[in-house]
Amino acid sequence: MARLPRFVLPGQPQHVIVRGNNRSEIFCADTDYQFYLEKLQLA
């Protein structure tokens, strides 16, 4: 069964979950994490 559409309230923050395939590590170095944070701020 497909996932239902997300419930979105305009102007309200969303809870973002980040994890790799099979819950593997996605930030192997501090620079990876900093790059992610910079892109998140731009979004």
N, C-alpha and C. Protein backbone atom coordinates (compact mmCIF):
# COMPACT_ATOMS: atom_id res chain seq x y z
N MET A 1 0.84 -1.17 0.00
CA MET A 1 0.00 0.00 0.00
C MET A 1 0.89 1.24 0.00
N ALA A 2 0.56 2.20 -0.83
CA ALA A 2 1.36 3.42 -0.94
C ALA A 2 1.17 4.30 0.29
N ARG A 3 2.19 5.10 0.57
CA ARG A 3 2.12 6.05 1.69
C ARG A 3 1.11 7.14 1.38
N LEU A 4 0.37 7.57 2.37
CA LEU A 4 -0.57 8.68 2.20
C LEU A 4 0.21 9.98 2.06
N PRO A 5 -0.38 10.98 1.38
CA PRO A 5 0.31 12.27 1.25
C PRO A 5 0.59 12.87 2.63
N ARG A 6 1.69 13.61 2.72
CA ARG A 6 2.04 14.25 3.98
C ARG A 6 1.05 15.37 4.30
N PHE A 7 0.79 15.55 5.59
CA PHE A 7 -0.07 16.63 6.06
C PHE A 7 0.79 17.88 6.21
N VAL A 8 0.49 18.93 5.44
CA VAL A 8 1.33 20.13 5.45
C VAL A 8 0.49 21.33 5.85
N LEU A 9 0.99 22.08 6.84
CA LEU A 9 0.38 23.34 7.22
C LEU A 9 1.30 24.45 6.72
N PRO A 10 0.83 25.29 5.80
CA PRO A 10 1.69 26.35 5.26
C PRO A 10 2.25 27.24 6.37
N GLY A 11 3.54 27.55 6.27
CA GLY A 11 4.19 28.41 7.24
C GLY A 11 4.65 27.72 8.50
N GLN A 12 4.40 26.43 8.63
CA GLN A 12 4.81 25.68 9.81
C GLN A 12 6.01 24.81 9.48
N PRO A 13 6.95 24.68 10.42
CA PRO A 13 8.14 23.86 10.15
C PRO A 13 7.79 22.38 10.02
N GLN A 14 8.64 21.66 9.30
CA GLN A 14 8.48 20.23 9.11
C GLN A 14 9.59 19.49 9.86
N HIS A 15 9.31 18.31 10.32
CA HIS A 15 10.32 17.47 10.96
C HIS A 15 11.02 16.69 9.86
N VAL A 16 12.33 16.90 9.73
CA VAL A 16 13.11 16.25 8.69
C VAL A 16 13.88 15.08 9.28
N ILE A 17 13.74 13.92 8.67
CA ILE A 17 14.47 12.73 9.11
C ILE A 17 15.46 12.37 8.01
N VAL A 18 16.70 12.20 8.40
CA VAL A 18 17.74 11.87 7.43
C VAL A 18 18.43 10.60 7.88
N ARG A 19 18.40 9.60 7.02
CA ARG A 19 19.16 8.37 7.29
C ARG A 19 19.45 7.67 5.98
N GLY A 20 20.52 6.91 5.97
CA GLY A 20 20.93 6.22 4.76
C GLY A 20 20.16 4.93 4.56
N ASN A 21 20.45 4.24 3.46
CA ASN A 21 19.85 2.95 3.21
C ASN A 21 20.18 1.99 4.34
N ASN A 22 19.19 1.26 4.79
CA ASN A 22 19.37 0.33 5.91
C ASN A 22 19.94 1.01 7.15
N ARG A 23 19.59 2.28 7.30
CA ARG A 23 20.04 3.11 8.45
C ARG A 23 21.56 3.23 8.53
N SER A 24 22.21 3.20 7.39
CA SER A 24 23.66 3.34 7.39
C SER A 24 24.06 4.80 7.60
N GLU A 25 25.31 5.01 7.98
CA GLU A 25 25.84 6.34 8.23
C GLU A 25 25.82 7.15 6.94
N ILE A 26 25.42 8.42 7.02
CA ILE A 26 25.40 9.26 5.82
C ILE A 26 26.42 10.39 5.89
N PHE A 27 26.85 10.76 7.10
CA PHE A 27 27.86 11.79 7.26
C PHE A 27 29.14 11.11 7.73
N CYS A 28 30.06 10.87 6.80
CA CYS A 28 31.31 10.17 7.13
C CYS A 28 32.37 11.12 7.64
N ALA A 29 32.21 12.40 7.38
CA ALA A 29 33.19 13.40 7.82
C ALA A 29 32.44 14.68 8.19
N ASP A 30 33.07 15.51 9.00
CA ASP A 30 32.45 16.77 9.40
C ASP A 30 32.12 17.64 8.20
N THR A 31 32.95 17.57 7.15
CA THR A 31 32.68 18.37 5.96
C THR A 31 31.39 17.94 5.27
N ASP A 32 31.07 16.65 5.31
CA ASP A 32 29.80 16.16 4.74
C ASP A 32 28.62 16.79 5.48
N TYR A 33 28.71 16.82 6.80
CA TYR A 33 27.64 17.37 7.63
C TYR A 33 27.51 18.88 7.40
N GLN A 34 28.63 19.60 7.31
CA GLN A 34 28.59 21.04 7.08
C GLN A 34 27.98 21.35 5.70
N PHE A 35 28.32 20.56 4.70
CA PHE A 35 27.75 20.73 3.37
C PHE A 35 26.23 20.57 3.42
N TYR A 36 25.76 19.55 4.12
CA TYR A 36 24.32 19.31 4.26
C TYR A 36 23.64 20.51 4.95
N LEU A 37 24.23 21.00 6.02
CA LEU A 37 23.63 22.13 6.75
C LEU A 37 23.56 23.39 5.89
N GLU A 38 24.59 23.63 5.08
CA GLU A 38 24.59 24.78 4.20
C GLU A 38 23.47 24.67 3.18
N LYS A 39 23.29 23.51 2.59
CA LYS A 39 22.22 23.32 1.60
C LYS A 39 20.84 23.40 2.25
N LEU A 40 20.73 22.91 3.46
CA LEU A 40 19.45 22.99 4.18
C LEU A 40 19.08 24.43 4.46
N GLN A 41 20.07 25.25 4.84
CA GLN A 41 19.79 26.67 5.09
C GLN A 41 19.32 27.36 3.82
N LEU A 42 19.91 27.03 2.69
CA LEU A 42 19.52 27.65 1.43
C LEU A 42 18.10 27.28 1.02
N ALA A 43 17.69 26.09 1.40
CA ALA A 43 16.35 25.62 1.05
C ALA A 43 15.32 26.31 1.92
